[in-house]
Amino acid sequence: LAKHVFLPNQKFSFFNDGKKILESAISSEPSSLELLFLRFSIQSSCPSFLKYNQSLEKDRKSLLSGVKFLNDKDLKTRILTYLITKSNLTEAERKQIQ
């Protein structure tokens, strides 16, 4: 919703509400790669002034180590594609997921 409102304070309010919902869901299911991927992709594309980037490294490591165990082929493809194209993987990490 934050993307579709005009006033900055409304944008920030919607952003914070969504952030709380996502963090609550991750607290309930900390090993859910789908939720970690959602948070990772949001934090990767969030403007730095929002200061929502604390979990980037931890989530990236969790995604890299857990993606090979996923049974959901669509989710696995989405995570791998995002990691390869949008995140700065080291050469060792690229080899790990290929």
Protein backbone atom coordinates (compact mmCIF):
# COMPACT_ATOMS: atom_id res chain seq x y z
CA LEU A 1 0.00 0.00 0.00
CA ALA A 2 2.90 2.37 0.70
CA LYS A 3 3.63 2.46 -3.01
CA HIS A 4 0.15 3.72 -3.85
CA VAL A 5 -0.37 6.58 -1.40
CA PHE A 6 0.82 10.14 -1.91
CA LEU A 7 1.66 11.55 1.51
CA PRO A 8 5.08 10.56 2.88
CA ASN A 9 3.81 9.99 6.42
CA GLN A 10 1.17 7.58 5.08
CA LYS A 11 3.81 5.77 3.03
CA PHE A 12 6.02 5.41 6.09
CA SER A 13 3.11 4.24 8.23
CA PHE A 14 2.09 1.55 5.72
CA PHE A 15 5.72 0.48 5.37
CA ASN A 16 6.13 0.10 9.13
CA ASP A 17 2.85 -1.84 9.43
CA GLY A 18 3.96 -4.25 6.72
CA LYS A 19 7.39 -4.61 8.27
CA LYS A 20 5.83 -5.54 11.64
CA ILE A 21 3.60 -8.14 10.00
CA LEU A 22 6.52 -9.69 8.13
CA GLU A 23 8.80 -9.73 11.18
CA SER A 24 6.02 -11.31 13.24
CA ALA A 25 5.55 -14.03 10.63
CA ILE A 26 9.30 -14.71 10.59
CA SER A 27 9.34 -14.90 14.39
CA SER A 28 6.61 -17.56 14.16
CA GLU A 29 8.41 -19.51 11.42
CA PRO A 30 12.11 -18.61 11.54
CA SER A 31 13.11 -21.42 9.18
CA SER A 32 10.63 -20.54 6.42
CA LEU A 33 12.73 -19.85 3.33
CA GLU A 34 9.75 -18.23 1.64
CA LEU A 35 9.44 -15.62 4.39
CA LEU A 36 13.21 -15.10 4.53
CA PHE A 37 13.26 -14.63 0.77
CA LEU A 38 10.46 -12.09 1.00
CA ARG A 39 12.32 -10.12 3.67
CA PHE A 40 15.60 -10.41 1.77
CA SER A 41 14.09 -9.10 -1.45
CA ILE A 42 12.37 -6.22 0.37
CA GLN A 43 15.49 -5.25 2.29
CA SER A 44 17.62 -5.48 -0.87
CA SER A 45 15.46 -2.96 -2.67
CA CYS A 46 14.56 -0.69 0.26
CA PRO A 47 15.99 2.83 0.36
CA SER A 48 18.75 3.04 2.96
CA PHE A 49 17.09 5.92 4.85
CA LEU A 50 14.38 3.48 5.99
CA LYS A 51 17.06 1.56 7.88
CA TYR A 52 15.51 -1.80 7.11
CA ASN A 53 18.54 -3.82 6.11
CA GLN A 54 19.71 -5.51 9.31
CA SER A 55 19.02 -9.07 8.16
CA LEU A 56 20.40 -9.00 4.63
CA GLU A 57 23.55 -11.01 5.29
CA LYS A 58 21.88 -13.52 7.62
CA ASP A 59 18.99 -14.09 5.19
CA ARG A 60 21.35 -14.42 2.21
CA LYS A 61 23.32 -17.12 4.03
CA SER A 62 20.12 -18.93 5.04
CA LEU A 63 18.82 -18.82 1.48
CA LEU A 64 22.11 -20.05 0.03
CA SER A 65 22.30 -22.98 2.42
CA GLY A 66 18.63 -23.93 2.37
CA VAL A 67 17.58 -23.50 -1.25
CA LYS A 68 18.94 -26.91 -2.26
CA PHE A 69 16.52 -28.61 0.15
CA LEU A 70 13.38 -26.93 -1.21
CA ASN A 71 10.74 -29.18 -2.77
CA ASP A 72 8.78 -26.29 -4.28
CA LYS A 73 10.43 -25.93 -7.71
CA ASP A 74 8.84 -22.56 -8.44
CA LEU A 75 10.05 -21.02 -5.18
CA LYS A 76 13.48 -22.56 -5.68
CA THR A 77 13.74 -21.07 -9.16
CA ARG A 78 12.62 -17.65 -7.95
CA ILE A 79 15.14 -17.62 -5.10
CA LEU A 80 18.02 -18.77 -7.29
CA THR A 81 17.16 -16.30 -10.04
CA TYR A 82 16.96 -13.44 -7.56
CA LEU A 83 20.21 -14.38 -5.86
CA ILE A 84 22.07 -14.69 -9.14
CA THR A 85 20.72 -11.52 -10.74
CA LYS A 86 20.03 -9.12 -7.87
CA SER A 87 22.47 -9.90 -5.07
CA ASN A 88 26.23 -9.62 -5.05
CA LEU A 89 27.31 -13.22 -4.73
CA THR A 90 30.93 -14.20 -4.42
CA GLU A 91 32.32 -16.68 -6.90
CA ALA A 92 32.29 -19.38 -4.21
CA GLU A 93 28.61 -18.69 -3.47
CA ARG A 94 27.76 -18.88 -7.17
CA LYS A 95 29.42 -22.29 -7.38
CA GLN A 96 27.60 -23.40 -4.24
CA ILE A 97 24.17 -22.90 -5.81
CA GLN A 98 24.97 -24.26 -9.26
